[in-house]
C-alpha atoms as a PDB file:
ATOM      1  CA  MET A   1      62.402  -4.893 -27.127  1.00  0.00           C
ATOM      2  CA  ARG A   2      58.749  -5.558 -26.445  1.00  0.00           C
ATOM      3  CA  LEU A   3      57.939  -9.024 -25.186  1.00  0.00           C
ATOM      4  CA  THR A   4      55.166 -10.856 -26.945  1.00  0.00           C
ATOM      5  CA  LYS A   5      52.299 -12.403 -25.001  1.00  0.00           C
ATOM      6  CA  LEU A   6      53.860 -15.798 -25.671  1.00  0.00           C
ATOM      7  CA  HIS A   7      57.183 -14.782 -24.100  1.00  0.00           C
ATOM      8  CA  ILE A   8      55.514 -13.193 -21.105  1.00  0.00           C
ATOM      9  CA  SER A   9      53.073 -16.070 -20.605  1.00  0.00           C
ATOM     10  CA  ALA A  10      55.911 -18.548 -20.788  1.00  0.00           C
ATOM     11  CA  ALA A  11      57.769 -16.513 -18.178  1.00  0.00           C
ATOM     12  CA  ALA A  12      54.768 -16.462 -15.862  1.00  0.00           C
ATOM     13  CA  ILE A  13      54.122 -20.164 -16.308  1.00  0.00           C
ATOM     14  CA  GLY A  14      57.807 -20.805 -15.700  1.00  0.00           C
ATOM     15  CA  LEU A  15      57.591 -18.674 -12.586  1.00  0.00           C
ATOM     16  CA  VAL A  16      54.808 -20.788 -11.147  1.00  0.00           C
ATOM     17  CA  LEU A  17      56.299 -24.127 -12.177  1.00  0.00           C
ATOM     18  CA  ALA A  18      59.883 -23.311 -11.253  1.00  0.00           C
ATOM     19  CA  SER A  19      59.282 -21.652  -7.906  1.00  0.00           C
ATOM     20  CA  GLY A  20      60.869 -24.617  -6.143  1.00  0.00           C
ATOM     21  CA  ALA A  21      64.009 -24.324  -8.241  1.00  0.00           C
ATOM     22  CA  HIS A  22      64.170 -20.595  -7.603  1.00  0.00           C
ATOM     23  CA  ALA A  23      63.900 -21.247  -3.869  1.00  0.00           C
ATOM     24  CA  GLN A  24      66.919 -23.557  -4.032  1.00  0.00           C
ATOM     25  CA  MET A  25      69.038 -20.812  -5.576  1.00  0.00           C
ATOM     26  CA  GLY A  26      67.647 -17.919  -3.587  1.00  0.00           C
ATOM     27  CA  GLY A  27      64.776 -17.238  -5.997  1.00  0.00           C
ATOM     28  CA  GLY A  28      61.204 -16.330  -5.285  1.00  0.00           C
ATOM     29  CA  SER A  29      58.885 -19.127  -4.317  1.00  0.00           C
ATOM     30  CA  MET A  30      55.612 -18.274  -2.651  1.00  0.00           C
ATOM     31  CA  PRO A  31      55.602 -19.037   1.066  1.00  0.00           C
ATOM     32  CA  THR A  32      52.817 -21.182   2.433  1.00  0.00           C
ATOM     33  CA  SER A  33      52.678 -20.365   6.125  1.00  0.00           C
ATOM     34  CA  GLY A  34      52.119 -17.408   8.419  1.00  0.00           C
ATOM     35  CA  PRO A  35      49.255 -14.906   8.355  1.00  0.00           C
ATOM     36  CA  ALA A  36      50.868 -12.277   6.081  1.00  0.00           C
ATOM     37  CA  GLN A  37      52.181 -14.956   3.770  1.00  0.00           C
ATOM     38  CA  ALA A  38      48.801 -16.692   3.502  1.00  0.00           C
ATOM     39  CA  ASP A  39      47.230 -13.342   2.615  1.00  0.00           C
ATOM     40  CA  ALA A  40      49.606 -13.033  -0.342  1.00  0.00           C
ATOM     41  CA  THR A  41      49.134 -16.539  -1.732  1.00  0.00           C
ATOM     42  CA  VAL A  42      45.573 -16.213  -3.044  1.00  0.00           C
ATOM     43  CA  PRO A  43      46.007 -12.848  -4.809  1.00  0.00           C
ATOM     44  CA  TYR A  44      49.359 -14.033  -6.196  1.00  0.00           C
ATOM     45  CA  LYS A  45      47.780 -17.139  -7.713  1.00  0.00           C
ATOM     46  CA  ASN A  46      44.813 -15.093  -8.959  1.00  0.00           C
ATOM     47  CA  GLY A  47      47.186 -12.541 -10.481  1.00  0.00           C
ATOM     48  CA  VAL A  48      49.252 -15.175 -12.287  1.00  0.00           C
ATOM     49  CA  ALA A  49      46.063 -16.839 -13.576  1.00  0.00           C
ATOM     50  CA  ALA A  50      44.733 -13.482 -14.827  1.00  0.00           C
ATOM     51  CA  PHE A  51      48.103 -12.758 -16.431  1.00  0.00           C
ATOM     52  CA  ASN A  52      48.149 -16.100 -18.205  1.00  0.00           C
ATOM     53  CA  SER A  53      44.646 -15.443 -19.546  1.00  0.00           C
ATOM     54  CA  GLY A  54      45.701 -12.023 -20.855  1.00  0.00           C
ATOM     55  CA  ASP A  55      43.698 -10.019 -18.316  1.00  0.00           C
ATOM     56  CA  TYR A  56      46.505  -7.657 -17.369  1.00  0.00           C
ATOM     57  CA  PRO A  57      44.446  -5.100 -15.405  1.00  0.00           C
ATOM     58  CA  THR A  58      43.178  -7.877 -13.118  1.00  0.00           C
ATOM     59  CA  ALA A  59      46.666  -9.362 -12.917  1.00  0.00           C
ATOM     60  CA  ILE A  60      48.090  -6.003 -11.846  1.00  0.00           C
ATOM     61  CA  ARG A  61      45.345  -5.461  -9.280  1.00  0.00           C
ATOM     62  CA  GLU A  62      45.745  -8.947  -7.750  1.00  0.00           C
ATOM     63  CA  LEU A  63      49.526  -8.868  -7.785  1.00  0.00           C
ATOM     64  CA  ARG A  64      49.482  -5.439  -6.112  1.00  0.00           C
ATOM     65  CA  LYS A  65      47.343  -6.994  -3.354  1.00  0.00           C
ATOM     66  CA  ALA A  66      49.857  -9.821  -3.005  1.00  0.00           C
ATOM     67  CA  TYR A  67      52.746  -7.357  -2.896  1.00  0.00           C
ATOM     68  CA  ASP A  68      50.992  -5.244  -0.264  1.00  0.00           C
ATOM     69  CA  ALA A  69      50.494  -8.401   1.827  1.00  0.00           C
ATOM     70  CA  ASN A  70      54.089  -9.617   1.439  1.00  0.00           C
ATOM     71  CA  SER A  71      56.763  -7.507  -0.220  1.00  0.00           C
ATOM     72  CA  SER A  72      59.629  -9.765   0.836  1.00  0.00           C
ATOM     73  CA  VAL A  73      59.082 -12.497  -1.773  1.00  0.00           C
ATOM     74  CA  GLY A  74      60.799 -11.633  -5.048  1.00  0.00           C
ATOM     75  CA  ALA A  75      58.392 -13.669  -7.178  1.00  0.00           C
ATOM     76  CA  ILE A  76      55.546 -11.261  -6.403  1.00  0.00           C
ATOM     77  CA  PRO A  77      57.047  -8.007  -7.732  1.00  0.00           C
ATOM     78  CA  TYR A  78      58.624  -9.991 -10.581  1.00  0.00           C
ATOM     79  CA  ALA A  79      55.196 -11.219 -11.691  1.00  0.00           C
ATOM     80  CA  LEU A  80      53.828  -7.700 -11.197  1.00  0.00           C
ATOM     81  CA  GLY A  81      56.597  -6.365 -13.425  1.00  0.00           C
ATOM     82  CA  LEU A  82      55.660  -8.859 -16.137  1.00  0.00           C
ATOM     83  CA  ALA A  83      52.034  -7.718 -15.944  1.00  0.00           C
ATOM     84  CA  TYR A  84      53.058  -4.072 -16.217  1.00  0.00           C
ATOM     85  CA  THR A  85      55.334  -4.921 -19.158  1.00  0.00           C
ATOM     86  CA  ALA A  86      52.491  -6.705 -20.923  1.00  0.00           C
ATOM     87  CA  SER A  87      50.323  -3.626 -20.339  1.00  0.00           C
ATOM     88  CA  GLY A  88      52.947  -1.349 -21.861  1.00  0.00           C
ATOM     89  CA  LYS A  89      53.609   0.401 -18.528  1.00  0.00           C
ATOM     90  CA  LYS A  90      57.392   0.444 -18.662  1.00  0.00           C
ATOM     91  CA  LYS A  91      58.074   2.802 -15.747  1.00  0.00           C
ATOM     92  CA  GLU A  92      55.833   0.779 -13.439  1.00  0.00           C
ATOM     93  CA  ALA A  93      57.448  -2.430 -14.704  1.00  0.00           C
ATOM     94  CA  LYS A  94      60.870  -1.021 -13.899  1.00  0.00           C
ATOM     95  CA  GLN A  95      59.780  -0.165 -10.358  1.00  0.00           C
ATOM     96  CA  ALA A  96      58.308  -3.634  -9.843  1.00  0.00           C
ATOM     97  CA  PHE A  97      61.429  -5.385 -11.150  1.00  0.00           C
ATOM     98  CA  GLN A  98      63.568  -3.154  -8.923  1.00  0.00           C
ATOM     99  CA  GLY A  99      61.402  -4.231  -5.991  1.00  0.00           C
ATOM    100  CA  ALA A 100      61.998  -7.847  -6.953  1.00  0.00           C
ATOM    101  CA  VAL A 101      65.782  -7.621  -7.137  1.00  0.00           C
ATOM    102  CA  ARG A 102      65.902  -5.690  -3.848  1.00  0.00           C
ATOM    103  CA  THR A 103      64.340  -8.652  -2.031  1.00  0.00           C
ATOM    104  CA  GLY A 104      67.480 -10.720  -2.443  1.00  0.00           C
ATOM    105  CA  ASN A 105      65.385 -13.746  -3.458  1.00  0.00           C
ATOM    106  CA  ALA A 106      64.224 -12.609  -6.878  1.00  0.00           C
ATOM    107  CA  PRO A 107      63.932 -15.082  -9.723  1.00  0.00           C
ATOM    108  CA  ILE A 108      66.903 -14.736 -12.081  1.00  0.00           C
ATOM    109  CA  PRO A 109      64.677 -13.471 -14.930  1.00  0.00           C
ATOM    110  CA  ALA A 110      63.841 -10.408 -12.783  1.00  0.00           C
ATOM    111  CA  TYR A 111      67.392  -9.119 -13.338  1.00  0.00           C
ATOM    112  CA  LEU A 112      67.079  -9.726 -17.069  1.00  0.00           C
ATOM    113  CA  GLN A 113      63.681  -8.046 -17.302  1.00  0.00           C
ATOM    114  CA  LEU A 114      64.876  -5.059 -15.272  1.00  0.00           C
ATOM    115  CA  GLY A 115      67.825  -4.710 -17.625  1.00  0.00           C
ATOM    116  CA  LEU A 116      65.617  -4.964 -20.717  1.00  0.00           C
ATOM    117  CA  VAL A 117      63.036  -2.448 -19.524  1.00  0.00           C
ATOM    118  CA  ALA A 118      65.837  -0.105 -18.419  1.00  0.00           C
ATOM    119  CA  LEU A 119      67.222  -0.200 -21.954  1.00  0.00           C
ATOM    120  CA  GLU A 120      63.764   0.555 -23.352  1.00  0.00           C
ATOM    121  CA  LEU A 121      63.623   3.567 -21.044  1.00  0.00           C
ATOM    122  CA  GLY A 122      67.092   4.709 -22.141  1.00  0.00           C
ATOM    123  CA  GLU A 123      68.751   3.771 -18.840  1.00  0.00           C
ATOM    124  CA  ARG A 124      71.806   1.897 -20.073  1.00  0.00           C
ATOM    125  CA  ASP A 125      73.634   2.265 -16.736  1.00  0.00           C
ATOM    126  CA  LEU A 126      70.853   0.433 -14.905  1.00  0.00           C
ATOM    127  CA  ALA A 127      70.890  -2.336 -17.515  1.00  0.00           C
ATOM    128  CA  THR A 128      74.666  -2.644 -17.150  1.00  0.00           C
ATOM    129  CA  LYS A 129      74.244  -2.938 -13.377  1.00  0.00           C
ATOM    130  CA  GLN A 130      71.833  -5.828 -13.887  1.00  0.00           C
ATOM    131  CA  TYR A 131      74.378  -7.597 -16.072  1.00  0.00           C
ATOM    132  CA  ALA A 132      76.973  -7.097 -13.324  1.00  0.00           C
ATOM    133  CA  ALA A 133      74.533  -8.442 -10.717  1.00  0.00           C
ATOM    134  CA  LEU A 134      74.021 -11.557 -12.829  1.00  0.00           C
ATOM    135  CA  GLU A 135      77.803 -11.955 -13.192  1.00  0.00           C
ATOM    136  CA  LYS A 136      78.125 -11.724  -9.422  1.00  0.00           C
ATOM    137  CA  LYS A 137      75.394 -14.334  -8.932  1.00  0.00           C
ATOM    138  CA  LEU A 138      77.130 -16.679 -11.359  1.00  0.00           C
ATOM    139  CA  ALA A 139      80.502 -16.170  -9.691  1.00  0.00           C
ATOM    140  CA  GLY A 140      78.948 -16.784  -6.264  1.00  0.00           C
ATOM    141  CA  CYS A 141      77.123 -19.905  -7.325  1.00  0.00           C
ATOM    142  CA  GLY A 142      79.808 -22.363  -6.344  1.00  0.00           C
ATOM    143  CA  ALA A 143      78.561 -25.698  -5.051  1.00  0.00           C
ATOM    144  CA  LYS A 144      75.140 -24.341  -4.054  1.00  0.00           C
ATOM    145  CA  CYS A 145      74.017 -24.044  -7.700  1.00  0.00           C
ATOM    146  CA  ASP A 146      73.306 -26.967  -9.941  1.00  0.00           C
ATOM    147  CA  ASP A 147      73.937 -26.958 -13.683  1.00  0.00           C
ATOM    148  CA  GLU A 148      70.370 -25.820 -14.395  1.00  0.00           C
ATOM    149  CA  ALA A 149      70.715 -22.796 -12.113  1.00  0.00           C
ATOM    150  CA  ARG A 150      74.036 -21.827 -13.669  1.00  0.00           C
ATOM    151  CA  ALA A 151      72.559 -22.233 -17.150  1.00  0.00           C
ATOM    152  CA  GLU A 152      69.624 -19.985 -16.228  1.00  0.00           C
ATOM    153  CA  ILE A 153      71.957 -17.236 -15.009  1.00  0.00           C
ATOM    154  CA  LYS A 154      74.198 -17.600 -18.069  1.00  0.00           C
ATOM    155  CA  ALA A 155      71.203 -17.476 -20.433  1.00  0.00           C
ATOM    156  CA  ALA A 156      69.962 -14.268 -18.789  1.00  0.00           C
ATOM    157  CA  MET A 157      73.438 -12.764 -19.073  1.00  0.00           C
ATOM    158  CA  ASP A 158      73.669 -13.753 -22.744  1.00  0.00           C
ATOM    159  CA  GLN A 159      70.276 -12.188 -23.558  1.00  0.00           C
ATOM    160  CA  LEU A 160      71.164  -8.979 -21.783  1.00  0.00           C
ATOM    161  CA  ALA A 161      74.629  -8.866 -23.368  1.00  0.00           C
ATOM    162  CA  VAL A 162      73.074  -8.979 -26.842  1.00  0.00           C
ATOM    163  CA  LYS A 163      70.920  -5.953 -26.017  1.00  0.00           C
ATOM    164  CA  LEU A 164      73.829  -4.093 -24.412  1.00  0.00           C
ATOM    165  CA  THR A 165      76.077  -4.564 -27.445  1.00  0.00           C
ATOM    166  CA  PRO A 166      76.119  -1.336 -29.473  1.00  0.00           C
END
């Protein structure tokens, strides 16, 4: 499945607008203090702006700078993965999404996007692992997740399940 510009732009806009919600559930909001973190903020914002305007080469370049400055914030490699996806660079997108989920604070859509790009690359096992990771997140939600967070996880699981169904 190839995402349209509208889907990807909506995801990037959602990433910027929902960073606070992602932070509440262990997702990737951009930090605002510390020297390394401050170095990542400007290229991250520039990368998201370039992405939203359809300038994917600039988005990739800026988001790579942000990632090099701070690789511990899941929102950065997630956004980078979206830019690679929009550029048709599936292998690079997969690597970026893998970087996002390894942070432990990745936005929920990073798991979905990793699963989708894995399926496009013929890596069904990796996609299945992302579904299982989402199941685990949902099961571990408990009282720390609100209804919106649970719904986001469930929606990602549903989308991935449709693609995993033979």
